[in-house]
Amino acid sequence: MLLIFYIVNVIASSVNGLDQDCYIDVGQIRSIDNSRVFDLVGVLEEEYWESIRVALNVVLDF
């Protein structure tokens, strides 16, 4: 079984604004200018943040 520690699966909900399940590929993280963000779609639930922190540590080699 292949484990990929920089992918975080996100289940669609009315809170996060997603219409289908998706994933966050933390390995593709990059900065953007705030002027490129047009509108808030939703808010990522608290349950995903620890997985995102772990994935960032893997990608950034902490």
N, C-alpha and C. Protein backbone atom coordinates (compact mmCIF):
# COMPACT_ATOMS: atom_id res chain seq x y z
N MET A 1 0.84 -1.18 0.00
CA MET A 1 0.00 0.00 0.00
C MET A 1 0.89 1.25 0.00
N LEU A 2 0.60 2.17 -0.88
CA LEU A 2 1.35 3.41 -1.01
C LEU A 2 0.69 4.50 -0.18
N LEU A 3 1.44 5.09 0.73
CA LEU A 3 0.93 6.20 1.53
C LEU A 3 1.56 7.49 1.04
N ILE A 4 0.73 8.45 0.78
CA ILE A 4 1.20 9.76 0.34
C ILE A 4 0.83 10.75 1.44
N PHE A 5 1.84 11.25 2.15
CA PHE A 5 1.60 12.04 3.34
C PHE A 5 1.31 13.51 3.05
N TYR A 6 1.41 13.93 1.81
CA TYR A 6 1.15 15.34 1.51
C TYR A 6 -0.17 15.56 0.81
N ILE A 7 -1.03 14.54 0.78
CA ILE A 7 -2.37 14.65 0.22
C ILE A 7 -3.36 14.58 1.38
N VAL A 8 -4.30 15.53 1.44
CA VAL A 8 -5.33 15.54 2.48
C VAL A 8 -6.69 15.45 1.78
N ASN A 9 -7.43 14.38 2.05
CA ASN A 9 -8.76 14.21 1.48
C ASN A 9 -9.76 15.08 2.22
N VAL A 10 -10.62 15.76 1.47
CA VAL A 10 -11.63 16.65 2.04
C VAL A 10 -13.00 16.20 1.54
N ILE A 11 -13.91 15.98 2.47
CA ILE A 11 -15.26 15.55 2.12
C ILE A 11 -16.15 16.78 1.97
N ALA A 12 -16.90 16.84 0.88
CA ALA A 12 -17.78 17.98 0.60
C ALA A 12 -18.83 18.14 1.69
N SER A 13 -19.10 19.40 2.04
CA SER A 13 -20.15 19.71 3.03
C SER A 13 -20.67 21.12 2.76
N SER A 14 -21.75 21.46 3.42
CA SER A 14 -22.29 22.81 3.27
C SER A 14 -21.38 23.84 3.95
N VAL A 15 -20.59 23.42 4.92
CA VAL A 15 -19.69 24.34 5.61
C VAL A 15 -18.52 24.73 4.72
N ASN A 16 -17.87 23.74 4.08
CA ASN A 16 -16.69 24.06 3.27
C ASN A 16 -17.04 24.51 1.85
N GLY A 17 -18.29 24.42 1.46
CA GLY A 17 -18.73 24.95 0.17
C GLY A 17 -18.40 24.08 -1.03
N LEU A 18 -17.86 22.88 -0.81
CA LEU A 18 -17.54 22.00 -1.92
C LEU A 18 -18.78 21.23 -2.37
N ASP A 19 -18.91 21.00 -3.67
CA ASP A 19 -20.04 20.21 -4.16
C ASP A 19 -19.68 18.75 -4.41
N GLN A 20 -18.38 18.42 -4.28
CA GLN A 20 -17.95 17.03 -4.36
C GLN A 20 -16.67 16.85 -3.54
N ASP A 21 -16.41 15.62 -3.13
CA ASP A 21 -15.19 15.33 -2.36
C ASP A 21 -13.98 15.66 -3.22
N CYS A 22 -12.91 16.12 -2.59
CA CYS A 22 -11.69 16.45 -3.31
C CYS A 22 -10.49 16.23 -2.40
N TYR A 23 -9.35 16.70 -2.80
CA TYR A 23 -8.16 16.57 -1.98
C TYR A 23 -7.32 17.83 -2.08
N ILE A 24 -6.52 18.03 -1.03
CA ILE A 24 -5.56 19.13 -1.02
C ILE A 24 -4.19 18.50 -1.24
N ASP A 25 -3.51 18.92 -2.29
CA ASP A 25 -2.16 18.44 -2.58
C ASP A 25 -1.19 19.48 -2.02
N VAL A 26 -0.75 19.26 -0.79
CA VAL A 26 0.12 20.22 -0.11
C VAL A 26 1.46 20.35 -0.84
N GLY A 27 1.84 19.34 -1.61
CA GLY A 27 3.07 19.40 -2.39
C GLY A 27 3.01 20.46 -3.50
N GLN A 28 1.82 20.95 -3.80
CA GLN A 28 1.64 21.96 -4.84
C GLN A 28 1.41 23.35 -4.25
N ILE A 29 1.76 23.54 -2.98
CA ILE A 29 1.51 24.82 -2.32
C ILE A 29 2.36 25.93 -2.95
N ARG A 30 1.77 27.09 -3.09
CA ARG A 30 2.47 28.27 -3.60
C ARG A 30 1.73 29.51 -3.12
N SER A 31 2.39 30.61 -3.16
CA SER A 31 1.77 31.85 -2.69
C SER A 31 1.04 32.52 -3.85
N ILE A 32 -0.01 33.27 -3.50
CA ILE A 32 -0.74 34.06 -4.49
C ILE A 32 -1.00 35.45 -3.90
N ASP A 33 -1.26 36.37 -4.76
CA ASP A 33 -1.60 37.73 -4.34
C ASP A 33 -3.08 37.76 -3.92
N ASN A 34 -3.38 38.42 -2.81
CA ASN A 34 -4.76 38.49 -2.32
C ASN A 34 -5.72 39.10 -3.35
N SER A 35 -5.22 39.92 -4.26
CA SER A 35 -6.09 40.53 -5.27
C SER A 35 -6.63 39.49 -6.25
N ARG A 36 -6.03 38.30 -6.29
CA ARG A 36 -6.50 37.24 -7.19
C ARG A 36 -7.63 36.42 -6.57
N VAL A 37 -7.93 36.65 -5.29
CA VAL A 37 -9.01 35.95 -4.60
C VAL A 37 -10.27 36.80 -4.73
N PHE A 38 -11.29 36.26 -5.39
CA PHE A 38 -12.48 37.05 -5.69
C PHE A 38 -13.56 36.93 -4.62
N ASP A 39 -13.79 35.72 -4.10
CA ASP A 39 -14.90 35.54 -3.19
C ASP A 39 -14.64 34.33 -2.29
N LEU A 40 -15.17 34.36 -1.10
CA LEU A 40 -15.06 33.26 -0.17
C LEU A 40 -16.06 32.18 -0.56
N VAL A 41 -15.58 30.97 -0.75
CA VAL A 41 -16.45 29.86 -1.13
C VAL A 41 -16.97 29.14 0.10
N GLY A 42 -16.11 28.95 1.08
CA GLY A 42 -16.49 28.25 2.30
C GLY A 42 -15.33 28.27 3.28
N VAL A 43 -15.46 27.50 4.34
CA VAL A 43 -14.45 27.45 5.39
C VAL A 43 -14.10 25.98 5.64
N LEU A 44 -12.82 25.69 5.62
CA LEU A 44 -12.38 24.33 5.87
C LEU A 44 -12.57 23.98 7.33
N GLU A 45 -13.20 22.84 7.59
CA GLU A 45 -13.49 22.43 8.95
C GLU A 45 -12.22 22.16 9.74
N GLU A 46 -12.32 22.31 11.05
CA GLU A 46 -11.19 22.13 11.97
C GLU A 46 -10.57 20.74 11.86
N GLU A 47 -11.36 19.73 11.55
CA GLU A 47 -10.86 18.34 11.52
C GLU A 47 -9.73 18.12 10.51
N TYR A 48 -9.59 18.99 9.53
CA TYR A 48 -8.57 18.81 8.49
C TYR A 48 -7.24 19.49 8.81
N TRP A 49 -7.24 20.42 9.74
CA TRP A 49 -6.05 21.25 9.95
C TRP A 49 -4.84 20.48 10.46
N GLU A 50 -5.02 19.50 11.32
CA GLU A 50 -3.87 18.72 11.81
C GLU A 50 -3.24 17.93 10.67
N SER A 51 -4.06 17.34 9.80
CA SER A 51 -3.53 16.61 8.64
C SER A 51 -2.77 17.55 7.71
N ILE A 52 -3.25 18.77 7.56
CA ILE A 52 -2.57 19.75 6.73
C ILE A 52 -1.22 20.13 7.35
N ARG A 53 -1.19 20.32 8.66
CA ARG A 53 0.07 20.63 9.35
C ARG A 53 1.09 19.52 9.17
N VAL A 54 0.66 18.27 9.32
CA VAL A 54 1.56 17.12 9.13
C VAL A 54 2.08 17.10 7.70
N ALA A 55 1.19 17.29 6.73
CA ALA A 55 1.59 17.28 5.32
C ALA A 55 2.58 18.41 5.03
N LEU A 56 2.36 19.58 5.59
CA LEU A 56 3.30 20.69 5.40
C LEU A 56 4.67 20.35 5.98
N ASN A 57 4.69 19.70 7.13
CA ASN A 57 5.98 19.28 7.72
C ASN A 57 6.71 18.31 6.81
N VAL A 58 5.99 17.40 6.16
CA VAL A 58 6.60 16.46 5.23
C VAL A 58 7.17 17.20 4.03
N VAL A 59 6.36 18.07 3.43
CA VAL A 59 6.77 18.79 2.22
C VAL A 59 7.93 19.75 2.50
N LEU A 60 7.87 20.44 3.64
CA LEU A 60 8.90 21.43 3.97
C LEU A 60 10.08 20.82 4.72
N ASP A 61 10.01 19.52 4.95
CA ASP A 61 11.11 18.76 5.58
C ASP A 61 11.41 19.25 6.99
N PHE A 62 10.38 19.44 7.81
CA PHE A 62 10.56 19.84 9.20
C PHE A 62 10.57 18.63 10.09
